[in-house]
Amino acid sequence: MTQERPVASPCVHVCALDDADVCLGCQRTADEITRWGRMDNDERRQVLQRCAERAREQGVLI
């Protein structure tokens, strides 16, 4: 059985946090960015889903 490859980071190298500590580039919170390397793939997918939701709420993603 082959091991699943790690889910890639959504980082786009636009690293700036807004007033709510959410990155303007990838939409992850500071905590999610810090913990990313220790997350399993399921947790990473959940974070990516939340990032997409944040992007839609901010009008960054339609």
C-alpha atoms as a PDB file:
ATOM      1  CA  MET A   1       0.000   0.000   0.000  1.00  0.00           C
ATOM      2  CA  THR A   2       1.423   3.371  -0.999  1.00  0.00           C
ATOM      3  CA  GLN A   3       1.357   6.216   1.454  1.00  0.00           C
ATOM      4  CA  GLU A   4      -0.688   9.294   0.538  1.00  0.00           C
ATOM      5  CA  ARG A   5       1.359  12.355  -0.379  1.00  0.00           C
ATOM      6  CA  PRO A   6       1.072  15.320   1.991  1.00  0.00           C
ATOM      7  CA  VAL A   7      -1.544  17.927   1.081  1.00  0.00           C
ATOM      8  CA  ALA A   8       0.368  20.938  -0.249  1.00  0.00           C
ATOM      9  CA  SER A   9       0.428  24.245   1.573  1.00  0.00           C
ATOM     10  CA  PRO A  10      -1.823  26.940   0.092  1.00  0.00           C
ATOM     11  CA  CYS A  11       0.907  29.556   0.671  1.00  0.00           C
ATOM     12  CA  VAL A  12       1.203  32.021  -2.224  1.00  0.00           C
ATOM     13  CA  HIS A  13       4.072  34.007  -0.640  1.00  0.00           C
ATOM     14  CA  VAL A  14       1.888  37.033   0.124  1.00  0.00           C
ATOM     15  CA  CYS A  15       2.393  36.787   3.861  1.00  0.00           C
ATOM     16  CA  ALA A  16       0.537  39.534   5.693  1.00  0.00           C
ATOM     17  CA  LEU A  17      -1.965  39.101   8.496  1.00  0.00           C
ATOM     18  CA  ASP A  18      -5.115  41.223   8.764  1.00  0.00           C
ATOM     19  CA  ASP A  19      -6.609  42.480  12.037  1.00  0.00           C
ATOM     20  CA  ALA A  20      -8.191  39.048  12.639  1.00  0.00           C
ATOM     21  CA  ASP A  21      -4.792  37.283  12.197  1.00  0.00           C
ATOM     22  CA  VAL A  22      -5.834  35.795   8.839  1.00  0.00           C
ATOM     23  CA  CYS A  23      -3.245  35.776   6.057  1.00  0.00           C
ATOM     24  CA  LEU A  24      -4.227  37.973   3.118  1.00  0.00           C
ATOM     25  CA  GLY A  25      -2.490  35.576   0.720  1.00  0.00           C
ATOM     26  CA  CYS A  26      -3.640  32.088   1.699  1.00  0.00           C
ATOM     27  CA  GLN A  27      -6.548  32.869   4.061  1.00  0.00           C
ATOM     28  CA  ARG A  28      -5.149  30.683   6.853  1.00  0.00           C
ATOM     29  CA  THR A  29      -5.123  31.914  10.434  1.00  0.00           C
ATOM     30  CA  ALA A  30      -1.793  32.455  12.171  1.00  0.00           C
ATOM     31  CA  ASP A  31      -2.480  29.312  14.224  1.00  0.00           C
ATOM     32  CA  GLU A  32      -3.226  27.241  11.108  1.00  0.00           C
ATOM     33  CA  ILE A  33      -0.001  28.443   9.475  1.00  0.00           C
ATOM     34  CA  THR A  34       2.021  27.599  12.584  1.00  0.00           C
ATOM     35  CA  ARG A  35       0.501  24.130  12.960  1.00  0.00           C
ATOM     36  CA  TRP A  36       0.436  23.177   9.229  1.00  0.00           C
ATOM     37  CA  GLY A  37       3.612  21.059   9.379  1.00  0.00           C
ATOM     38  CA  ARG A  38       2.176  18.939  12.211  1.00  0.00           C
ATOM     39  CA  MET A  39      -1.286  18.414  10.673  1.00  0.00           C
ATOM     40  CA  ASP A  40      -2.371  15.198   9.012  1.00  0.00           C
ATOM     41  CA  ASN A  41      -3.956  15.328   5.551  1.00  0.00           C
ATOM     42  CA  ASP A  42      -7.521  15.244   6.879  1.00  0.00           C
ATOM     43  CA  GLU A  43      -6.908  18.300   9.052  1.00  0.00           C
ATOM     44  CA  ARG A  44      -5.129  20.059   6.177  1.00  0.00           C
ATOM     45  CA  ARG A  45      -8.156  19.468   3.930  1.00  0.00           C
ATOM     46  CA  GLN A  46     -10.426  20.941   6.610  1.00  0.00           C
ATOM     47  CA  VAL A  47      -8.192  24.010   6.792  1.00  0.00           C
ATOM     48  CA  LEU A  48      -8.282  24.384   3.001  1.00  0.00           C
ATOM     49  CA  GLN A  49     -12.079  24.259   3.116  1.00  0.00           C
ATOM     50  CA  ARG A  50     -12.138  27.004   5.755  1.00  0.00           C
ATOM     51  CA  CYS A  51      -9.686  29.044   3.653  1.00  0.00           C
ATOM     52  CA  ALA A  52     -12.030  28.811   0.659  1.00  0.00           C
ATOM     53  CA  GLU A  53     -14.961  29.896   2.843  1.00  0.00           C
ATOM     54  CA  ARG A  54     -12.975  32.870   4.194  1.00  0.00           C
ATOM     55  CA  ALA A  55     -11.941  33.851   0.663  1.00  0.00           C
ATOM     56  CA  ARG A  56     -15.571  33.813  -0.494  1.00  0.00           C
ATOM     57  CA  GLU A  57     -16.643  35.868   2.532  1.00  0.00           C
ATOM     58  CA  GLN A  58     -13.916  38.430   1.772  1.00  0.00           C
ATOM     59  CA  GLY A  59     -14.852  38.570  -1.914  1.00  0.00           C
ATOM     60  CA  VAL A  60     -11.448  37.197  -2.905  1.00  0.00           C
ATOM     61  CA  LEU A  61     -12.949  34.016  -4.360  1.00  0.00           C
ATOM     62  CA  ILE A  62     -16.300  33.865  -6.107  1.00  0.00           C
END
